[in-house]
N, C-alpha and C. Protein backbone atom coordinates (compact mmCIF):
# COMPACT_ATOMS: atom_id res chain seq x y z
N MET A 1 93.45 7.49 -39.71
CA MET A 1 93.41 7.89 -38.52
C MET A 1 94.38 6.53 -37.42
N SER A 2 95.45 6.63 -37.56
CA SER A 2 96.85 6.20 -36.01
C SER A 2 95.75 5.91 -34.84
N ALA A 3 96.34 4.86 -34.93
CA ALA A 3 95.77 4.10 -33.17
C ALA A 3 96.48 5.51 -32.00
N VAL A 4 97.51 6.10 -32.32
CA VAL A 4 97.90 7.32 -30.92
C VAL A 4 96.70 8.09 -31.34
N GLN A 5 96.72 8.39 -32.38
CA GLN A 5 95.54 9.63 -32.64
C GLN A 5 94.35 9.01 -32.29
N ARG A 6 93.93 7.68 -32.30
CA ARG A 6 92.67 7.52 -31.91
C ARG A 6 93.05 7.45 -30.16
N PHE A 7 93.88 7.20 -30.18
CA PHE A 7 93.81 6.97 -28.74
C PHE A 7 93.69 8.57 -27.88
N HIS A 8 95.04 9.63 -28.67
CA HIS A 8 94.39 10.71 -28.43
C HIS A 8 92.87 11.38 -28.77
N GLU A 9 92.08 10.80 -29.05
CA GLU A 9 91.03 11.16 -29.46
C GLU A 9 89.91 10.87 -28.25
N ALA A 10 90.45 10.25 -28.00
CA ALA A 10 89.08 9.07 -27.44
C ALA A 10 89.72 10.11 -25.80
N ALA A 11 91.06 9.93 -25.17
CA ALA A 11 91.36 10.26 -23.68
C ALA A 11 90.95 11.53 -23.79
N ASN A 12 91.14 12.45 -25.31
CA ASN A 12 90.10 13.83 -24.81
C ASN A 12 89.00 14.07 -24.62
N ASP A 13 88.32 12.94 -25.73
CA ASP A 13 86.91 13.26 -24.98
C ASP A 13 86.26 12.50 -23.56
N ALA A 14 87.13 11.61 -23.03
CA ALA A 14 87.02 10.65 -21.59
C ALA A 14 86.99 12.38 -20.55
N LEU A 15 88.48 13.10 -20.92
CA LEU A 15 88.36 14.30 -20.23
C LEU A 15 87.31 15.07 -20.19
N VAL A 16 87.05 15.29 -21.34
CA VAL A 16 85.82 16.78 -21.09
C VAL A 16 84.19 15.68 -20.63
N LYS A 17 84.20 14.81 -20.37
CA LYS A 17 83.01 13.78 -19.82
C LYS A 17 83.24 13.56 -18.67
N LEU A 18 84.64 13.42 -18.05
CA LEU A 18 84.90 13.93 -16.65
C LEU A 18 84.92 15.07 -15.92
N SER A 19 84.97 15.85 -17.15
CA SER A 19 85.97 17.42 -16.63
C SER A 19 83.47 18.19 -16.21
N GLU A 20 82.83 17.59 -16.56
CA GLU A 20 81.27 17.61 -16.46
C GLU A 20 81.20 17.59 -15.25
N TYR A 21 81.75 16.63 -14.37
CA TYR A 21 81.65 15.78 -12.65
C TYR A 21 82.19 16.74 -12.01
N CYS A 22 83.03 17.25 -12.54
CA CYS A 22 84.37 17.89 -11.50
C CYS A 22 83.68 18.94 -11.18
N LEU A 23 84.20 19.48 -9.94
CA LEU A 23 83.96 21.29 -9.12
C LEU A 23 84.17 22.15 -9.84
N HIS A 24 83.49 22.94 -9.82
CA HIS A 24 83.92 24.06 -10.58
C HIS A 24 85.47 24.80 -10.73
N GLY A 25 85.96 24.52 -11.53
CA GLY A 25 87.33 24.91 -11.70
C GLY A 25 88.31 24.12 -11.57
N SER A 26 87.74 22.69 -11.15
CA SER A 26 89.20 21.93 -11.20
C SER A 26 89.34 22.47 -12.72
N LYS A 27 90.83 21.05 -12.62
CA LYS A 27 91.53 21.51 -13.77
C LYS A 27 91.92 19.37 -14.19
N LEU A 28 91.52 19.23 -15.44
CA LEU A 28 91.77 17.92 -15.51
C LEU A 28 93.31 17.39 -16.20
N ALA A 29 93.58 16.45 -15.30
CA ALA A 29 95.25 15.55 -16.00
C ALA A 29 95.22 14.36 -16.35
N LEU A 30 95.23 13.85 -17.39
CA LEU A 30 95.91 12.86 -17.79
C LEU A 30 97.43 12.25 -17.92
N ILE A 31 98.12 11.22 -17.23
CA ILE A 31 99.52 10.78 -17.63
C ILE A 31 99.43 9.15 -17.79
N ILE A 32 100.13 9.44 -18.94
CA ILE A 32 100.49 7.87 -19.50
C ILE A 32 101.64 7.42 -19.28
N ILE A 33 102.56 6.64 -18.34
CA ILE A 33 103.81 6.71 -18.10
C ILE A 33 103.94 5.51 -18.39
N THR A 34 105.46 5.24 -19.46
CA THR A 34 105.72 3.66 -20.17
C THR A 34 106.99 3.28 -19.95
N PRO A 35 106.97 2.86 -18.77
CA PRO A 35 108.26 2.42 -18.01
C PRO A 35 109.54 1.99 -18.56
N GLY A 36 110.62 3.10 -18.85
CA GLY A 36 111.58 2.38 -19.90
C GLY A 36 111.48 2.63 -21.26
N GLU A 37 110.16 3.77 -21.34
CA GLU A 37 110.23 4.40 -22.69
C GLU A 37 109.58 6.05 -22.58
N PRO A 38 110.26 6.99 -21.76
CA PRO A 38 109.93 7.60 -21.92
C PRO A 38 109.17 8.48 -22.84
N GLU A 39 109.82 8.53 -23.96
CA GLU A 39 109.19 8.89 -25.59
C GLU A 39 108.05 8.47 -26.10
N ARG A 40 107.32 7.18 -24.96
CA ARG A 40 105.96 6.90 -25.03
C ARG A 40 104.84 7.34 -24.74
N ASP A 41 105.49 8.57 -23.44
CA ASP A 41 104.94 8.91 -22.04
C ASP A 41 103.99 9.75 -22.63
N ILE A 42 102.57 9.81 -22.14
CA ILE A 42 101.76 10.97 -22.62
C ILE A 42 101.03 11.88 -21.39
N ILE A 43 101.36 13.07 -22.08
CA ILE A 43 100.44 13.92 -21.17
C ILE A 43 99.04 14.61 -21.31
N LEU A 44 98.09 14.53 -21.14
CA LEU A 44 97.02 15.48 -21.72
C LEU A 44 96.12 16.34 -21.14
N GLU A 45 96.79 17.93 -20.72
CA GLU A 45 96.36 18.86 -19.71
C GLU A 45 94.72 19.70 -19.94
N ASP A 46 94.13 19.86 -19.29
CA ASP A 46 93.33 20.77 -19.50
C ASP A 46 93.94 22.16 -20.03
N GLN A 47 93.13 23.17 -20.73
CA GLN A 47 94.24 24.68 -21.02
C GLN A 47 94.06 25.43 -19.43
N GLY A 48 94.92 25.90 -19.21
CA GLY A 48 95.10 26.59 -18.47
C GLY A 48 95.08 25.46 -16.72
N LEU A 49 96.15 24.95 -17.05
CA LEU A 49 96.28 24.22 -16.36
C LEU A 49 98.38 24.63 -15.72
N ASP A 50 97.65 24.60 -14.31
CA ASP A 50 99.49 25.54 -13.79
C ASP A 50 99.86 23.66 -13.30
N ARG A 51 100.93 23.44 -14.61
CA ARG A 51 101.81 22.23 -13.89
C ARG A 51 102.40 22.16 -12.31
N ASN A 52 102.62 23.50 -11.87
CA ASN A 52 103.26 24.19 -10.87
C ASN A 52 101.94 23.29 -9.37
N GLU A 53 101.18 23.55 -10.06
CA GLU A 53 99.56 22.97 -9.22
C GLU A 53 99.32 21.02 -8.76
N LEU A 54 99.90 20.97 -10.41
CA LEU A 54 100.07 19.84 -10.07
C LEU A 54 100.85 18.91 -9.72
N VAL A 55 102.35 19.17 -9.74
CA VAL A 55 103.33 18.68 -8.68
C VAL A 55 103.02 18.95 -7.67
N SER A 56 102.31 19.88 -6.90
CA SER A 56 102.22 20.32 -5.73
C SER A 56 101.15 19.13 -5.17
N ALA A 57 100.07 18.71 -5.99
CA ALA A 57 99.33 17.80 -5.89
C ALA A 57 99.69 17.11 -5.66
N LEU A 58 100.55 16.26 -6.36
CA LEU A 58 101.17 14.88 -6.43
C LEU A 58 101.97 14.74 -5.37
N ARG A 59 102.89 15.96 -4.88
CA ARG A 59 103.16 16.03 -3.51
C ARG A 59 102.15 15.83 -2.11
N HIS A 60 101.02 16.50 -2.29
CA HIS A 60 100.07 15.87 -1.20
C HIS A 60 99.80 14.86 -1.55
N ARG A 61 99.68 13.72 -2.24
CA ARG A 61 99.34 12.73 -2.27
C ARG A 61 100.82 11.47 -2.35
N GLY A 62 101.98 12.09 -1.80
CA GLY A 62 103.14 11.43 -1.39
C GLY A 62 104.22 11.24 -2.23
N LEU A 63 103.62 12.24 -3.50
CA LEU A 63 105.64 12.46 -4.11
C LEU A 63 106.37 13.15 -3.52
N SER A 64 107.29 12.57 -3.19
CA SER A 64 108.53 13.07 -2.12
C SER A 64 110.03 13.48 -3.23
N ILE A 65 110.65 14.50 -2.74
CA ILE A 65 112.08 14.70 -3.25
C ILE A 65 112.85 13.46 -2.88
N ASP A 66 113.02 12.89 -1.42
CA ASP A 66 113.42 11.93 -1.37
C ASP A 66 113.40 10.73 -2.58
N GLY A 67 112.92 10.77 -3.23
CA GLY A 67 112.81 9.30 -4.20
C GLY A 67 114.13 9.89 -5.46
N ASP A 68 114.64 8.84 -6.31
CA ASP A 68 115.15 9.34 -7.28
C ASP A 68 115.09 9.36 -8.77
N ASN A 69 114.78 10.38 -9.30
CA ASN A 69 114.52 10.47 -10.34
C ASN A 69 115.19 11.75 -11.34
N ALA A 70 115.25 11.56 -12.78
CA ALA A 70 116.19 12.34 -12.91
C ALA A 70 116.02 14.14 -13.37
N TYR A 71 114.69 14.70 -12.49
CA TYR A 71 114.67 15.82 -12.34
C TYR A 71 115.10 16.12 -11.36
N LYS A 72 114.85 15.54 -10.46
CA LYS A 72 116.12 15.75 -9.38
C LYS A 72 117.52 15.65 -9.22
N ARG A 73 117.66 14.82 -10.15
CA ARG A 73 118.97 14.60 -10.01
C ARG A 73 119.76 16.15 -10.78
N ASP A 74 118.87 16.58 -12.02
CA ASP A 74 119.64 17.69 -12.81
C ASP A 74 119.07 18.56 -12.11
N LEU A 75 118.25 19.22 -11.34
CA LEU A 75 118.17 20.36 -10.49
C LEU A 75 118.93 20.58 -9.28
N CYS A 76 119.45 19.36 -8.84
CA CYS A 76 120.29 19.38 -7.85
C CYS A 76 121.82 19.42 -8.57
N ASP A 77 122.25 18.99 -10.09
CA ASP A 77 123.25 19.00 -10.19
C ASP A 77 123.26 21.03 -10.71
N SER A 78 122.37 21.30 -11.53
CA SER A 78 122.04 22.95 -11.34
C SER A 78 122.15 23.98 -10.04
N ILE A 79 122.48 23.20 -9.38
CA ILE A 79 122.05 23.61 -7.82
C ILE A 79 123.95 23.61 -7.79
N VAL A 80 124.45 22.33 -7.81
CA VAL A 80 126.18 22.59 -7.40
C VAL A 80 126.87 23.56 -8.83
N GLY A 81 126.32 23.44 -9.19
CA GLY A 81 127.07 23.81 -10.83
C GLY A 81 127.05 25.67 -10.81
N ALA A 82 125.75 26.28 -10.25
CA ALA A 82 125.57 27.50 -9.76
C ALA A 82 126.24 28.22 -8.28
N LEU A 83 126.59 26.74 -7.31
CA LEU A 83 127.38 27.15 -6.38
C LEU A 83 128.70 26.83 -6.54
N ALA A 84 129.16 26.57 -7.29
CA ALA A 84 130.26 26.22 -8.12
C ALA A 84 131.12 27.32 -8.91
N PHE A 85 130.13 28.46 -9.52
CA PHE A 85 130.26 29.49 -10.91
C PHE A 85 130.56 30.05 -9.52
N GLY A 86 129.42 30.37 -8.54
CA GLY A 86 129.71 31.60 -7.88
C GLY A 86 131.10 31.73 -7.07
N ALA A 87 131.43 30.28 -6.57
CA ALA A 87 132.93 30.45 -5.80
C ALA A 87 133.76 30.67 -6.89
N GLN A 88 133.82 30.82 -8.07
CA GLN A 88 134.68 30.67 -8.70
C GLN A 88 134.65 32.28 -9.50
N ASN A 89 133.34 32.90 -8.84
CA ASN A 89 132.39 34.31 -9.91
C ASN A 89 132.69 33.92 -11.03
N THR A 90 132.55 32.86 -11.67
CA THR A 90 132.33 32.98 -13.09
C THR A 90 130.74 32.40 -13.66
N ASN A 91 130.75 33.27 -14.88
CA ASN A 91 129.06 31.74 -15.49
C ASN A 91 128.00 32.42 -14.22
N PRO A 92 127.48 33.95 -14.22
CA PRO A 92 126.27 33.97 -13.72
C PRO A 92 125.05 34.02 -14.26
N PRO A 93 124.46 33.36 -13.92
CA PRO A 93 123.04 32.92 -14.00
C PRO A 93 122.65 34.14 -15.37
N PRO A 94 121.62 33.61 -15.73
CA PRO A 94 120.83 35.25 -16.99
C PRO A 94 120.18 35.95 -15.61
N ALA A 95 119.84 37.16 -15.94
CA ALA A 95 119.41 38.01 -15.31
C ALA A 95 117.60 37.41 -14.56
N ASP A 96 117.41 37.23 -13.31
CA ASP A 96 116.00 36.72 -12.88
C ASP A 96 116.05 34.94 -12.86
N HIS A 97 117.66 34.64 -13.29
CA HIS A 97 117.25 33.08 -12.83
C HIS A 97 117.17 32.70 -11.32
N TRP A 98 116.41 31.52 -10.83
CA TRP A 98 116.10 31.07 -9.84
C TRP A 98 117.78 31.10 -9.63
N GLY A 99 118.31 30.26 -10.25
CA GLY A 99 119.64 30.11 -9.78
C GLY A 99 120.83 30.78 -9.28
N GLN A 100 120.10 31.84 -9.71
CA GLN A 100 121.17 33.60 -8.92
C GLN A 100 120.96 33.39 -7.33
N ARG A 101 120.47 32.87 -6.85
CA ARG A 101 119.99 32.78 -5.41
C ARG A 101 121.30 32.20 -4.92
N PHE A 102 121.59 30.82 -6.19
CA PHE A 102 122.97 30.01 -4.80
C PHE A 102 124.07 30.34 -5.43
N TRP A 103 124.26 31.34 -6.59
CA TRP A 103 125.49 31.90 -7.24
C TRP A 103 126.31 32.53 -5.90
N ASP A 104 124.98 33.90 -5.71
CA ASP A 104 125.45 34.85 -4.73
C ASP A 104 125.93 34.04 -3.67
N ILE A 105 125.27 33.20 -3.20
CA ILE A 105 125.49 32.63 -1.58
C ILE A 105 126.91 32.38 -1.74
N ALA A 106 127.30 31.15 -3.11
CA ALA A 106 128.90 30.65 -3.07
C ALA A 106 129.34 31.69 -2.99
N ARG A 107 129.29 32.65 -3.84
CA ARG A 107 130.52 34.33 -4.29
C ARG A 107 130.58 35.11 -3.16
N GLU A 108 129.51 34.78 -2.37
CA GLU A 108 129.57 35.66 -0.93
C GLU A 108 130.49 35.01 -0.08
N GLU A 109 130.56 33.79 0.33
CA GLU A 109 130.96 32.81 1.42
C GLU A 109 132.21 32.46 0.86
N ARG A 110 132.91 32.57 -0.44
CA ARG A 110 134.13 32.69 -1.09
C ARG A 110 134.52 33.94 -1.13
N ALA A 111 133.56 35.06 -0.78
CA ALA A 111 134.68 36.05 -1.00
C ALA A 111 134.52 36.32 0.85
N ASN A 112 134.33 35.89 1.87
CA ASN A 112 134.03 35.77 2.84
C ASN A 112 135.37 34.61 3.62
N SER A 113 135.58 33.81 2.82
CA SER A 113 136.50 32.98 3.19
C SER A 113 138.04 33.86 2.49
N GLU A 114 138.21 33.93 0.95
CA GLU A 114 139.30 35.05 1.37
C GLU A 114 139.98 35.82 2.05
N GLN A 115 138.52 36.94 2.80
CA GLN A 115 139.31 37.40 3.71
C GLN A 115 139.14 36.68 5.01
N LEU A 116 139.29 35.29 5.91
CA LEU A 116 139.28 34.71 6.81
C LEU A 116 140.61 34.09 6.74
N LEU A 117 141.38 33.65 5.07
CA LEU A 117 142.46 33.60 4.71
C LEU A 117 143.19 34.71 5.12
N LYS A 118 142.82 35.81 4.28
CA LYS A 118 144.03 36.73 4.86
C LYS A 118 144.25 37.49 6.16
N ALA A 119 143.61 37.05 7.14
CA ALA A 119 143.05 37.77 8.46
C ALA A 119 143.92 36.40 9.05
N LEU A 120 143.88 35.46 8.78
CA LEU A 120 144.59 34.12 9.25
C LEU A 120 145.90 34.33 9.17
N THR A 121 146.17 34.63 7.90
CA THR A 121 147.64 34.43 7.35
C THR A 121 148.59 36.09 8.38
N ALA A 122 147.71 36.74 8.55
CA ALA A 122 148.51 38.26 8.74
C ALA A 122 148.54 37.73 10.27
N LEU A 123 147.93 37.14 10.90
CA LEU A 123 147.54 36.66 11.82
C LEU A 123 148.55 35.64 12.44
N ALA A 124 149.03 34.82 11.86
CA ALA A 124 149.83 33.50 11.89
C ALA A 124 151.31 34.11 11.45
N HIS A 125 151.02 34.84 10.60
CA HIS A 125 152.60 35.95 10.58
C HIS A 125 153.06 36.82 12.21
N VAL A 126 152.28 37.16 12.10
CA VAL A 126 152.26 38.33 13.76
C VAL A 126 152.48 37.67 14.95
N ALA A 127 151.71 36.11 14.76
CA ALA A 127 151.95 35.10 15.73
C ALA A 127 153.43 34.46 16.05
N GLY A 128 154.11 33.98 14.64
CA GLY A 128 155.28 33.36 14.23
C GLY A 128 156.22 34.74 15.02
N GLU A 129 156.39 35.68 14.70
CA GLU A 129 156.94 36.68 15.21
C GLU A 129 157.13 36.60 16.82
N CYS A 130 155.77 36.74 17.07
CA CYS A 130 155.88 36.79 19.04
C CYS A 130 156.66 35.50 19.47
N GLN A 131 155.85 34.37 18.64
CA GLN A 131 156.99 32.58 19.16
C GLN A 131 158.15 33.04 19.17
N GLN A 132 158.69 33.22 18.14
CA GLN A 132 160.69 33.54 17.74
C GLN A 132 160.56 34.64 18.88
N ILE A 133 160.21 35.87 19.22
CA ILE A 133 160.64 36.16 20.60
C ILE A 133 160.63 35.86 21.99
N ALA A 134 159.17 35.24 21.91
CA ALA A 134 159.14 34.08 23.40
C ALA A 134 159.96 33.15 23.43
N SER A 135 160.70 32.26 22.47
CA SER A 135 161.57 31.58 22.18
C SER A 135 162.84 31.74 22.62
N ASN A 136 163.56 33.09 22.26
CA ASN A 136 164.46 33.60 22.70
C ASN A 136 164.89 33.44 23.93
N TYR A 137 163.72 33.93 24.80
CA TYR A 137 163.91 34.04 26.41
C TYR A 137 163.37 32.76 26.84
N SER A 138 162.59 31.57 26.25
CA SER A 138 162.23 30.48 26.81
C SER A 138 163.00 28.65 26.87
N GLY A 139 163.74 29.13 25.74
CA GLY A 139 164.90 27.70 26.06
C GLY A 139 164.13 27.05 24.59
N THR A 140 164.52 25.90 24.79
CA THR A 140 163.83 24.41 23.92
C THR A 140 162.20 24.49 24.75
N ILE A 141 161.44 23.88 23.11
CA ILE A 141 159.81 23.54 23.82
C ILE A 141 160.02 23.03 24.35
N ASP A 142 160.99 21.74 24.78
CA ASP A 142 160.92 20.37 25.69
C ASP A 142 160.72 20.71 26.35
N GLY A 143 161.54 21.79 27.02
CA GLY A 143 161.96 22.34 28.53
C GLY A 143 161.10 23.06 29.12
N VAL A 144 160.81 23.99 28.70
CA VAL A 144 158.92 24.71 28.88
C VAL A 144 158.31 23.86 28.93
N PHE A 145 158.13 22.45 28.07
CA PHE A 145 156.70 21.30 28.63
C PHE A 145 156.86 21.30 29.12
N GLU A 146 158.55 20.94 30.00
CA GLU A 146 158.27 19.60 31.08
C GLU A 146 158.85 20.60 32.36
N ASP A 147 158.70 21.91 32.02
CA ASP A 147 158.62 23.31 33.44
C ASP A 147 157.49 23.51 33.44
N GLY A 148 156.41 23.09 32.81
CA GLY A 148 154.98 23.08 33.16
C GLY A 148 154.17 23.80 32.12
N GLY A 149 154.50 24.46 31.09
CA GLY A 149 153.98 24.25 29.55
C GLY A 149 153.38 25.55 29.91
N ASP A 150 151.97 25.94 29.04
CA ASP A 150 150.82 26.98 29.49
C ASP A 150 150.97 27.81 31.29
N ASP A 151 151.37 26.70 31.62
CA ASP A 151 150.84 27.34 33.48
C ASP A 151 152.72 27.85 34.00
N HIS A 152 153.53 27.97 32.69
CA HIS A 152 155.14 28.49 33.22
C HIS A 152 154.40 29.54 33.79
N GLU A 153 156.35 29.33 34.98
CA GLU A 153 155.50 31.05 35.95
C GLU A 153 156.26 31.89 34.85
N ASP A 154 157.02 31.87 33.99
CA ASP A 154 157.18 32.87 33.39
C ASP A 154 157.19 32.62 32.37
N PRO A 155 155.85 34.24 31.95
CA PRO A 155 154.77 34.34 31.07
C PRO A 155 155.90 34.41 29.37
N SER A 156 156.57 34.53 29.60
CA SER A 156 157.10 34.35 27.81
C SER A 156 157.60 32.65 27.22
N CYS A 157 157.95 32.06 28.88
CA CYS A 157 157.33 30.87 28.24
C CYS A 157 155.85 30.28 27.99
N ALA A 158 155.60 30.44 28.57
CA ALA A 158 153.63 30.06 28.73
C ALA A 158 153.52 30.75 27.63
N ILE A 159 153.99 31.66 27.08
CA ILE A 159 153.28 32.49 25.64
C ILE A 159 153.70 31.10 24.59
N PHE A 160 154.96 31.28 24.61
CA PHE A 160 156.23 30.29 23.70
C PHE A 160 155.32 29.41 23.46
N HIS A 161 154.75 28.42 24.63
CA HIS A 161 154.24 27.34 24.20
C HIS A 161 152.81 27.08 23.92
N ARG A 162 152.49 27.81 24.40
CA ARG A 162 150.80 28.19 23.62
C ARG A 162 151.28 28.52 22.08
N LEU A 163 152.08 30.12 21.55
CA LEU A 163 151.66 30.03 20.68
C LEU A 163 152.54 28.78 19.86
N TYR A 164 153.64 28.17 20.02
CA TYR A 164 154.06 26.88 19.56
C TYR A 164 152.91 25.58 19.15
N TYR A 165 152.09 25.49 20.06
CA TYR A 165 150.97 24.24 19.58
C TYR A 165 150.26 25.18 18.38
N ALA A 166 149.48 26.96 18.60
CA ALA A 166 148.67 26.89 17.80
C ALA A 166 149.06 27.07 16.47
N MET A 167 150.02 27.32 16.28
CA MET A 167 151.35 27.46 14.83
C MET A 167 150.76 26.61 14.01
N PHE A 168 150.79 24.77 14.60
CA PHE A 168 150.85 24.20 13.87
C PHE A 168 149.01 24.08 13.07
N ASP A 169 148.17 24.69 13.76
CA ASP A 169 146.96 24.37 13.62
C ASP A 169 146.68 25.50 12.25
N ALA A 170 147.74 26.93 12.97
CA ALA A 170 147.23 27.91 11.54
C ALA A 170 147.84 27.68 10.33
N ARG A 171 149.02 27.03 10.39
CA ARG A 171 149.56 26.34 9.03
C ARG A 171 149.07 25.17 8.34
N ALA A 172 148.61 24.80 9.48
CA ALA A 172 148.25 23.77 8.24
C ALA A 172 146.48 23.98 7.66
N ALA A 173 146.11 25.04 8.22
CA ALA A 173 144.62 25.34 8.06
C ALA A 173 144.68 26.55 6.57
N ILE A 174 145.93 27.73 6.74
CA ILE A 174 146.22 28.30 5.51
C ILE A 174 146.62 27.31 4.45
N LYS A 175 147.03 26.05 4.67
CA LYS A 175 148.03 24.72 3.80
C LYS A 175 146.55 24.40 2.69
N LYS A 176 145.61 23.96 3.74
CA LYS A 176 144.18 23.67 3.22
C LYS A 176 143.37 24.41 2.32
N ALA A 177 143.50 26.07 2.96
CA ALA A 177 142.70 26.66 2.29
C ALA A 177 143.52 27.16 1.12
N ILE A 178 144.81 26.81 0.35
CA ILE A 178 145.38 27.46 -0.35
C ILE A 178 146.09 26.57 -1.34
N GLU A 179 145.73 25.41 -1.18
CA GLU A 179 145.23 23.91 -1.74
C GLU A 179 144.35 23.66 -2.89
């Protein structure tokens, strides 16, 4: 019998003996971690042990999602991937997969963004036309600005002034959204 087999047998016997002292319904797990050599880690667990309960017990004892670990990185990468694929409306997760929630969120946000971009583009087009009409009656933007800008006594000048500066933000937002 190899050393590893002897260890497993001894550990299993110890778990059986320890289980006699546990509260009824308790489950035991033995975890041996070999830093830097995860292939040598050993996990022995009672039959019927719910690993989610094991993780919950560790969290109650201070395990945190704030630490750096491969499981968390993989989980976060999966969430980011589901969000990216959802935004692209490609590669949906399998039916009833936990990632579906994130995929759906991103898909909905993308659809909302597309609707808003379409509405902003249409509004910017109309505002640009209105700006042109107002500018026909207002002269130059410098003249309108010098004579009161938004508070100009001529409403067409005040409208031109407001639209002139609002169009900068609208065009920048549209440009950013389509790039």
